Amino acid sequence: MAPKLGVKFSPRMIEMLARIGARITGEHGFSARLTEHGIPEEYHLVKSGMDPETKDFFLIFSKSGARIPGPVEWLGPVYEKE
């Protein structure tokens, strides 16, 4: 195997996976959904990026498709045992 491996994901691909609540299954019977119920169809991606302090990648969706002031209700991944 190569001494370095890299994986690139565009924000649009991650948006599609989060939107549908994609499930990622590992080798030991565990899986994770990116979001429990997905993102409602009427919500649109309005911002994506990386938090400079935590290095967390984020996506923010809004019902109107515009940036709305105020807090964000963060949805976390859901871990499951098959």
PDB file of N, CA and C in Angstrom:
ATOM      1  N   MET A   1       0.845  -1.171   0.000  1.00  0.00           N
ATOM      2  CA  MET A   1       0.000   0.000   0.000  1.00  0.00           C
ATOM      3  C   MET A   1       0.894   1.239   0.000  1.00  0.00           C
ATOM      4  N   ALA A   2       0.398   2.330  -0.553  1.00  0.00           N
ATOM      5  CA  ALA A   2       1.150   3.582  -0.636  1.00  0.00           C
ATOM      6  C   ALA A   2       1.410   4.164   0.753  1.00  0.00           C
ATOM      7  N   PRO A   3       2.499   4.921   0.909  1.00  0.00           N
ATOM      8  CA  PRO A   3       2.792   5.518   2.212  1.00  0.00           C
ATOM      9  C   PRO A   3       1.781   6.588   2.645  1.00  0.00           C
ATOM     10  N   LYS A   4       1.057   7.154   1.708  1.00  0.00           N
ATOM     11  CA  LYS A   4       0.023   8.148   2.031  1.00  0.00           C
ATOM     12  C   LYS A   4      -1.228   7.837   1.227  1.00  0.00           C
ATOM     13  N   LEU A   5      -2.349   7.940   1.876  1.00  0.00           N
ATOM     14  CA  LEU A   5      -3.639   7.755   1.205  1.00  0.00           C
ATOM     15  C   LEU A   5      -4.481   8.996   1.430  1.00  0.00           C
ATOM     16  N   GLY A   6      -5.222   9.417   0.441  1.00  0.00           N
ATOM     17  CA  GLY A   6      -6.082  10.591   0.575  1.00  0.00           C
ATOM     18  C   GLY A   6      -7.467  10.301   0.022  1.00  0.00           C
ATOM     19  N   VAL A   7      -8.442  10.971   0.567  1.00  0.00           N
ATOM     20  CA  VAL A   7      -9.812  10.872   0.091  1.00  0.00           C
ATOM     21  C   VAL A   7     -10.354  12.290   0.006  1.00  0.00           C
ATOM     22  N   LYS A   8     -10.959  12.623  -1.104  1.00  0.00           N
ATOM     23  CA  LYS A   8     -11.563  13.947  -1.266  1.00  0.00           C
ATOM     24  C   LYS A   8     -13.071  13.790  -1.436  1.00  0.00           C
ATOM     25  N   PHE A   9     -13.813  14.669  -0.780  1.00  0.00           N
ATOM     26  CA  PHE A   9     -15.263  14.703  -0.915  1.00  0.00           C
ATOM     27  C   PHE A   9     -15.680  16.133  -1.181  1.00  0.00           C
ATOM     28  N   SER A  10     -16.514  16.325  -2.163  1.00  0.00           N
ATOM     29  CA  SER A  10     -17.039  17.662  -2.392  1.00  0.00           C
ATOM     30  C   SER A  10     -18.178  17.909  -1.405  1.00  0.00           C
ATOM     31  N   PRO A  11     -18.396  19.165  -1.016  1.00  0.00           N
ATOM     32  CA  PRO A  11     -19.534  19.463  -0.135  1.00  0.00           C
ATOM     33  C   PRO A  11     -20.863  18.992  -0.727  1.00  0.00           C
ATOM     34  N   ARG A  12     -21.003  19.012  -2.040  1.00  0.00           N
ATOM     35  CA  ARG A  12     -22.262  18.573  -2.674  1.00  0.00           C
ATOM     36  C   ARG A  12     -22.500  17.087  -2.470  1.00  0.00           C
ATOM     37  N   MET A  13     -21.437  16.267  -2.523  1.00  0.00           N
ATOM     38  CA  MET A  13     -21.616  14.844  -2.311  1.00  0.00           C
ATOM     39  C   MET A  13     -22.012  14.571  -0.857  1.00  0.00           C
ATOM     40  N   ILE A  14     -21.358  15.248   0.086  1.00  0.00           N
ATOM     41  CA  ILE A  14     -21.707  15.092   1.494  1.00  0.00           C
ATOM     42  C   ILE A  14     -23.132  15.590   1.733  1.00  0.00           C
ATOM     43  N   GLU A  15     -23.528  16.671   1.057  1.00  0.00           N
ATOM     44  CA  GLU A  15     -24.902  17.175   1.162  1.00  0.00           C
ATOM     45  C   GLU A  15     -25.896  16.095   0.748  1.00  0.00           C
ATOM     46  N   MET A  16     -25.654  15.433  -0.375  1.00  0.00           N
ATOM     47  CA  MET A  16     -26.571  14.394  -0.846  1.00  0.00           C
ATOM     48  C   MET A  16     -26.653  13.235   0.145  1.00  0.00           C
ATOM     49  N   LEU A  17     -25.521  12.829   0.712  1.00  0.00           N
ATOM     50  CA  LEU A  17     -25.514  11.726   1.672  1.00  0.00           C
ATOM     51  C   LEU A  17     -26.252  12.101   2.958  1.00  0.00           C
ATOM     52  N   ALA A  18     -26.056  13.329   3.449  1.00  0.00           N
ATOM     53  CA  ALA A  18     -26.763  13.784   4.648  1.00  0.00           C
ATOM     54  C   ALA A  18     -28.251  13.927   4.368  1.00  0.00           C
ATOM     55  N   ARG A  19     -28.584  14.442   3.202  1.00  0.00           N
ATOM     56  CA  ARG A  19     -29.988  14.677   2.834  1.00  0.00           C
ATOM     57  C   ARG A  19     -30.806  13.390   2.888  1.00  0.00           C
ATOM     58  N   ILE A  20     -30.230  12.284   2.426  1.00  0.00           N
ATOM     59  CA  ILE A  20     -30.976  11.025   2.394  1.00  0.00           C
ATOM     60  C   ILE A  20     -30.810  10.203   3.666  1.00  0.00           C
ATOM     61  N   GLY A  21     -29.996  10.694   4.618  1.00  0.00           N
ATOM     62  CA  GLY A  21     -29.762   9.925   5.844  1.00  0.00           C
ATOM     63  C   GLY A  21     -28.983   8.659   5.554  1.00  0.00           C
ATOM     64  N   ALA A  22     -27.960   8.760   4.694  1.00  0.00           N
ATOM     65  CA  ALA A  22     -27.187   7.598   4.268  1.00  0.00           C
ATOM     66  C   ALA A  22     -26.638   6.819   5.452  1.00  0.00           C
ATOM     67  N   ARG A  23     -26.626   5.515   5.316  1.00  0.00           N
ATOM     68  CA  ARG A  23     -26.073   4.636   6.344  1.00  0.00           C
ATOM     69  C   ARG A  23     -24.724   4.109   5.867  1.00  0.00           C
ATOM     70  N   ILE A  24     -23.751   4.185   6.758  1.00  0.00           N
ATOM     71  CA  ILE A  24     -22.419   3.667   6.479  1.00  0.00           C
ATOM     72  C   ILE A  24     -22.236   2.466   7.396  1.00  0.00           C
ATOM     73  N   THR A  25     -21.960   1.302   6.811  1.00  0.00           N
ATOM     74  CA  THR A  25     -21.828   0.076   7.579  1.00  0.00           C
ATOM     75  C   THR A  25     -20.371  -0.336   7.653  1.00  0.00           C
ATOM     76  N   GLY A  26     -19.914  -0.615   8.865  1.00  0.00           N
ATOM     77  CA  GLY A  26     -18.538  -1.035   9.073  1.00  0.00           C
ATOM     78  C   GLY A  26     -18.403  -2.547   9.041  1.00  0.00           C
ATOM     79  N   GLU A  27     -17.226  -3.027   9.361  1.00  0.00           N
ATOM     80  CA  GLU A  27     -16.937  -4.452   9.269  1.00  0.00           C
ATOM     81  C   GLU A  27     -17.342  -5.261  10.490  1.00  0.00           C
ATOM     82  N   HIS A  28     -17.691  -4.623  11.607  1.00  0.00           N
ATOM     83  CA  HIS A  28     -17.939  -5.359  12.839  1.00  0.00           C
ATOM     84  C   HIS A  28     -19.387  -5.268  13.308  1.00  0.00           C
ATOM     85  N   GLY A  29     -20.320  -5.091  12.372  1.00  0.00           N
ATOM     86  CA  GLY A  29     -21.728  -5.085  12.721  1.00  0.00           C
ATOM     87  C   GLY A  29     -22.290  -3.755  13.175  1.00  0.00           C
ATOM     88  N   PHE A  30     -21.493  -2.702  13.134  1.00  0.00           N
ATOM     89  CA  PHE A  30     -21.977  -1.382  13.506  1.00  0.00           C
ATOM     90  C   PHE A  30     -22.177  -0.547  12.259  1.00  0.00           C
ATOM     91  N   SER A  31     -23.097   0.391  12.334  1.00  0.00           N
ATOM     92  CA  SER A  31     -23.299   1.314  11.229  1.00  0.00           C
ATOM     93  C   SER A  31     -23.618   2.688  11.798  1.00  0.00           C
ATOM     94  N   ALA A  32     -23.561   3.690  10.949  1.00  0.00           N
ATOM     95  CA  ALA A  32     -23.893   5.055  11.350  1.00  0.00           C
ATOM     96  C   ALA A  32     -24.701   5.700  10.240  1.00  0.00           C
ATOM     97  N   ARG A  33     -25.722   6.431  10.642  1.00  0.00           N
ATOM     98  CA  ARG A  33     -26.472   7.259   9.690  1.00  0.00           C
ATOM     99  C   ARG A  33     -25.952   8.676   9.849  1.00  0.00           C
ATOM    100  N   LEU A  34     -25.761   9.362   8.731  1.00  0.00           N
ATOM    101  CA  LEU A  34     -25.268  10.736   8.813  1.00  0.00           C
ATOM    102  C   LEU A  34     -26.275  11.638   9.510  1.00  0.00           C
ATOM    103  N   THR A  35     -27.545  11.422   9.268  1.00  0.00           N
ATOM    104  CA  THR A  35     -28.623  12.100   9.989  1.00  0.00           C
ATOM    105  C   THR A  35     -29.736  11.085  10.194  1.00  0.00           C
ATOM    106  N   GLU A  36     -30.419  11.164  11.312  1.00  0.00           N
ATOM    107  CA  GLU A  36     -31.395  10.130  11.663  1.00  0.00           C
ATOM    108  C   GLU A  36     -32.507   9.992  10.628  1.00  0.00           C
ATOM    109  N   HIS A  37     -33.084  11.097  10.212  1.00  0.00           N
ATOM    110  CA  HIS A  37     -34.208  11.033   9.263  1.00  0.00           C
ATOM    111  C   HIS A  37     -33.920  11.774   7.967  1.00  0.00           C
ATOM    112  N   GLY A  38     -32.674  12.122   7.725  1.00  0.00           N
ATOM    113  CA  GLY A  38     -32.342  12.875   6.531  1.00  0.00           C
ATOM    114  C   GLY A  38     -32.711  14.345   6.681  1.00  0.00           C
ATOM    115  N   ILE A  39     -32.575  15.081   5.609  1.00  0.00           N
ATOM    116  CA  ILE A  39     -32.899  16.510   5.580  1.00  0.00           C
ATOM    117  C   ILE A  39     -34.169  16.668   4.745  1.00  0.00           C
ATOM    118  N   PRO A  40     -35.183  17.362   5.243  1.00  0.00           N
ATOM    119  CA  PRO A  40     -36.420  17.532   4.468  1.00  0.00           C
ATOM    120  C   PRO A  40     -36.151  18.152   3.090  1.00  0.00           C
ATOM    121  N   GLU A  41     -36.928  17.721   2.139  1.00  0.00           N
ATOM    122  CA  GLU A  41     -36.744  18.133   0.742  1.00  0.00           C
ATOM    123  C   GLU A  41     -36.808  19.642   0.535  1.00  0.00           C
ATOM    124  N   GLU A  42     -37.628  20.340   1.347  1.00  0.00           N
ATOM    125  CA  GLU A  42     -37.788  21.783   1.151  1.00  0.00           C
ATOM    126  C   GLU A  42     -36.628  22.604   1.722  1.00  0.00           C
ATOM    127  N   TYR A  43     -35.654  21.955   2.374  1.00  0.00           N
ATOM    128  CA  TYR A  43     -34.482  22.654   2.899  1.00  0.00           C
ATOM    129  C   TYR A  43     -33.376  22.644   1.851  1.00  0.00           C
ATOM    130  N   HIS A  44     -32.648  23.738   1.769  1.00  0.00           N
ATOM    131  CA  HIS A  44     -31.579  23.885   0.775  1.00  0.00           C
ATOM    132  C   HIS A  44     -30.268  24.183   1.487  1.00  0.00           C
ATOM    133  N   LEU A  45     -29.180  23.696   0.920  1.00  0.00           N
ATOM    134  CA  LEU A  45     -27.865  23.971   1.485  1.00  0.00           C
ATOM    135  C   LEU A  45     -27.553  25.453   1.310  1.00  0.00           C
ATOM    136  N   VAL A  46     -27.239  26.143   2.425  1.00  0.00           N
ATOM    137  CA  VAL A  46     -26.929  27.566   2.348  1.00  0.00           C
ATOM    138  C   VAL A  46     -25.490  27.868   2.762  1.00  0.00           C
ATOM    139  N   LYS A  47     -24.856  26.936   3.460  1.00  0.00           N
ATOM    140  CA  LYS A  47     -23.471  27.180   3.873  1.00  0.00           C
ATOM    141  C   LYS A  47     -22.796  25.860   4.196  1.00  0.00           C
ATOM    142  N   SER A  48     -21.531  25.749   3.830  1.00  0.00           N
ATOM    143  CA  SER A  48     -20.725  24.593   4.222  1.00  0.00           C
ATOM    144  C   SER A  48     -19.317  25.097   4.486  1.00  0.00           C
ATOM    145  N   GLY A  49     -18.586  24.362   5.270  1.00  0.00           N
ATOM    146  CA  GLY A  49     -17.217  24.765   5.556  1.00  0.00           C
ATOM    147  C   GLY A  49     -16.619  23.949   6.671  1.00  0.00           C
ATOM    148  N   MET A  50     -15.531  24.462   7.236  1.00  0.00           N
ATOM    149  CA  MET A  50     -14.858  23.796   8.330  1.00  0.00           C
ATOM    150  C   MET A  50     -14.661  24.782   9.467  1.00  0.00           C
ATOM    151  N   ASP A  51     -15.027  24.360  10.672  1.00  0.00           N
ATOM    152  CA  ASP A  51     -14.834  25.189  11.854  1.00  0.00           C
ATOM    153  C   ASP A  51     -13.333  25.268  12.121  1.00  0.00           C
ATOM    154  N   PRO A  52     -12.759  26.473  12.110  1.00  0.00           N
ATOM    155  CA  PRO A  52     -11.311  26.601  12.264  1.00  0.00           C
ATOM    156  C   PRO A  52     -10.787  26.139  13.622  1.00  0.00           C
ATOM    157  N   GLU A  53     -11.640  26.158  14.648  1.00  0.00           N
ATOM    158  CA  GLU A  53     -11.196  25.732  15.984  1.00  0.00           C
ATOM    159  C   GLU A  53     -11.271  24.224  16.170  1.00  0.00           C
ATOM    160  N   THR A  54     -12.408  23.615  15.817  1.00  0.00           N
ATOM    161  CA  THR A  54     -12.598  22.178  16.049  1.00  0.00           C
ATOM    162  C   THR A  54     -12.213  21.319  14.857  1.00  0.00           C
ATOM    163  N   LYS A  55     -12.066  21.949  13.691  1.00  0.00           N
ATOM    164  CA  LYS A  55     -11.781  21.245  12.425  1.00  0.00           C
ATOM    165  C   LYS A  55     -12.949  20.372  11.977  1.00  0.00           C
ATOM    166  N   ASP A  56     -14.147  20.623  12.530  1.00  0.00           N
ATOM    167  CA  ASP A  56     -15.341  19.889  12.114  1.00  0.00           C
ATOM    168  C   ASP A  56     -15.849  20.460  10.796  1.00  0.00           C
ATOM    169  N   PHE A  57     -16.184  19.585   9.856  1.00  0.00           N
ATOM    170  CA  PHE A  57     -16.818  19.987   8.606  1.00  0.00           C
ATOM    171  C   PHE A  57     -18.305  20.141   8.889  1.00  0.00           C
ATOM    172  N   PHE A  58     -18.934  21.177   8.333  1.00  0.00           N
ATOM    173  CA  PHE A  58     -20.354  21.379   8.610  1.00  0.00           C
ATOM    174  C   PHE A  58     -21.122  21.728   7.344  1.00  0.00           C
ATOM    175  N   LEU A  59     -22.412  21.437   7.385  1.00  0.00           N
ATOM    176  CA  LEU A  59     -23.385  21.823   6.363  1.00  0.00           C
ATOM    177  C   LEU A  59     -24.538  22.492   7.092  1.00  0.00           C
ATOM    178  N   ILE A  60     -25.016  23.618   6.576  1.00  0.00           N
ATOM    179  CA  ILE A  60     -26.183  24.296   7.155  1.00  0.00           C
ATOM    180  C   ILE A  60     -27.248  24.405   6.067  1.00  0.00           C
ATOM    181  N   PHE A  61     -28.440  23.947   6.398  1.00  0.00           N
ATOM    182  CA  PHE A  61     -29.577  23.968   5.482  1.00  0.00           C
ATOM    183  C   PHE A  61     -30.615  24.952   6.008  1.00  0.00           C
ATOM    184  N   SER A  62     -31.370  25.541   5.101  1.00  0.00           N
ATOM    185  CA  SER A  62     -32.426  26.466   5.486  1.00  0.00           C
ATOM    186  C   SER A  62     -33.652  26.199   4.624  1.00  0.00           C
ATOM    187  N   LYS A  63     -34.812  26.329   5.233  1.00  0.00           N
ATOM    188  CA  LYS A  63     -36.060  26.085   4.506  1.00  0.00           C
ATOM    189  C   LYS A  63     -36.262  27.071   3.370  1.00  0.00           C
ATOM    190  N   SER A  64     -35.886  28.307   3.574  1.00  0.00           N
ATOM    191  CA  SER A  64     -36.121  29.315   2.544  1.00  0.00           C
ATOM    192  C   SER A  64     -34.999  29.356   1.499  1.00  0.00           C
ATOM    193  N   GLY A  65     -33.900  28.666   1.782  1.00  0.00           N
ATOM    194  CA  GLY A  65     -32.768  28.722   0.870  1.00  0.00           C
ATOM    195  C   GLY A  65     -31.939  29.984   1.059  1.00  0.00           C
ATOM    196  N   ALA A  66     -32.195  30.731   2.133  1.00  0.00           N
ATOM    197  CA  ALA A  66     -31.439  31.954   2.421  1.00  0.00           C
ATOM    198  C   ALA A  66     -30.820  31.819   3.804  1.00  0.00           C
ATOM    199  N   ARG A  67     -29.764  32.570   4.046  1.00  0.00           N
ATOM    200  CA  ARG A  67     -29.147  32.567   5.379  1.00  0.00           C
ATOM    201  C   ARG A  67     -30.055  33.305   6.343  1.00  0.00           C
ATOM    202  N   ILE A  68     -30.472  32.627   7.379  1.00  0.00           N
ATOM    203  CA  ILE A  68     -31.388  33.185   8.369  1.00  0.00           C
ATOM    204  C   ILE A  68     -30.607  33.372   9.665  1.00  0.00           C
ATOM    205  N   PRO A  69     -30.696  34.538  10.306  1.00  0.00           N
ATOM    206  CA  PRO A  69     -29.966  34.729  11.569  1.00  0.00           C
ATOM    207  C   PRO A  69     -30.544  33.850  12.676  1.00  0.00           C
ATOM    208  N   GLY A  70     -29.728  33.615  13.689  1.00  0.00           N
ATOM    209  CA  GLY A  70     -30.175  32.832  14.837  1.00  0.00           C
ATOM    210  C   GLY A  70     -29.439  31.511  14.930  1.00  0.00           C
ATOM    211  N   PRO A  71     -29.785  30.735  15.973  1.00  0.00           N
ATOM    212  CA  PRO A  71     -29.072  29.479  16.218  1.00  0.00           C
ATOM    213  C   PRO A  71     -29.405  28.400  15.190  1.00  0.00           C
ATOM    214  N   VAL A  72     -28.501  27.442  15.080  1.00  0.00           N
ATOM    215  CA  VAL A  72     -28.672  26.290  14.193  1.00  0.00           C
ATOM    216  C   VAL A  72     -29.024  25.088  15.064  1.00  0.00           C
ATOM    217  N   GLU A  73     -30.010  24.318  14.665  1.00  0.00           N
ATOM    218  CA  GLU A  73     -30.311  23.053  15.350  1.00  0.00           C
ATOM    219  C   GLU A  73     -29.431  21.986  14.709  1.00  0.00           C
ATOM    220  N   TRP A  74     -28.372  21.587  15.418  1.00  0.00           N
ATOM    221  CA  TRP A  74     -27.405  20.642  14.867  1.00  0.00           C
ATOM    222  C   TRP A  74     -27.930  19.221  14.969  1.00  0.00           C
ATOM    223  N   LEU A  75     -27.851  18.485  13.860  1.00  0.00           N
ATOM    224  CA  LEU A  75     -28.234  17.083  13.807  1.00  0.00           C
ATOM    225  C   LEU A  75     -26.968  16.256  13.819  1.00  0.00           C
ATOM    226  N   GLY A  76     -26.877  15.288  14.694  1.00  0.00           N
ATOM    227  CA  GLY A  76     -25.680  14.457  14.761  1.00  0.00           C
ATOM    228  C   GLY A  76     -25.893  13.113  14.114  1.00  0.00           C
ATOM    229  N   PRO A  77     -24.822  12.400  13.861  1.00  0.00           N
ATOM    230  CA  PRO A  77     -24.948  11.055  13.324  1.00  0.00           C
ATOM    231  C   PRO A  77     -25.571  10.121  14.358  1.00  0.00           C
ATOM    232  N   VAL A  78     -26.188   9.053  13.890  1.00  0.00           N
ATOM    233  CA  VAL A  78     -26.822   8.063  14.734  1.00  0.00           C
ATOM    234  C   VAL A  78     -26.075   6.754  14.548  1.00  0.00           C
ATOM    235  N   TYR A  79     -25.567   6.190  15.644  1.00  0.00           N
ATOM    236  CA  TYR A  79     -24.838   4.931  15.580  1.00  0.00           C
ATOM    237  C   TYR A  79     -25.778   3.791  15.907  1.00  0.00           C
ATOM    238  N   GLU A  80     -25.649   2.692  15.159  1.00  0.00           N
ATOM    239  CA  GLU A  80     -26.547   1.543  15.318  1.00  0.00           C
ATOM    240  C   GLU A  80     -25.746   0.258  15.359  1.00  0.00           C
ATOM    241  N   LYS A  81     -26.287  -0.757  16.003  1.00  0.00           N
ATOM    242  CA  LYS A  81     -25.702  -2.106  15.949  1.00  0.00           C
ATOM    243  C   LYS A  81     -26.638  -2.941  15.118  1.00  0.00           C
ATOM    244  N   GLU A  82     -26.106  -3.575  14.097  1.00  0.00           N
ATOM    245  CA  GLU A  82     -26.917  -4.375  13.180  1.00  0.00           C
ATOM    246  C   GLU A  82     -27.445  -5.628  13.852  1.00  0.00           C
TER     247      GLU A  82
END
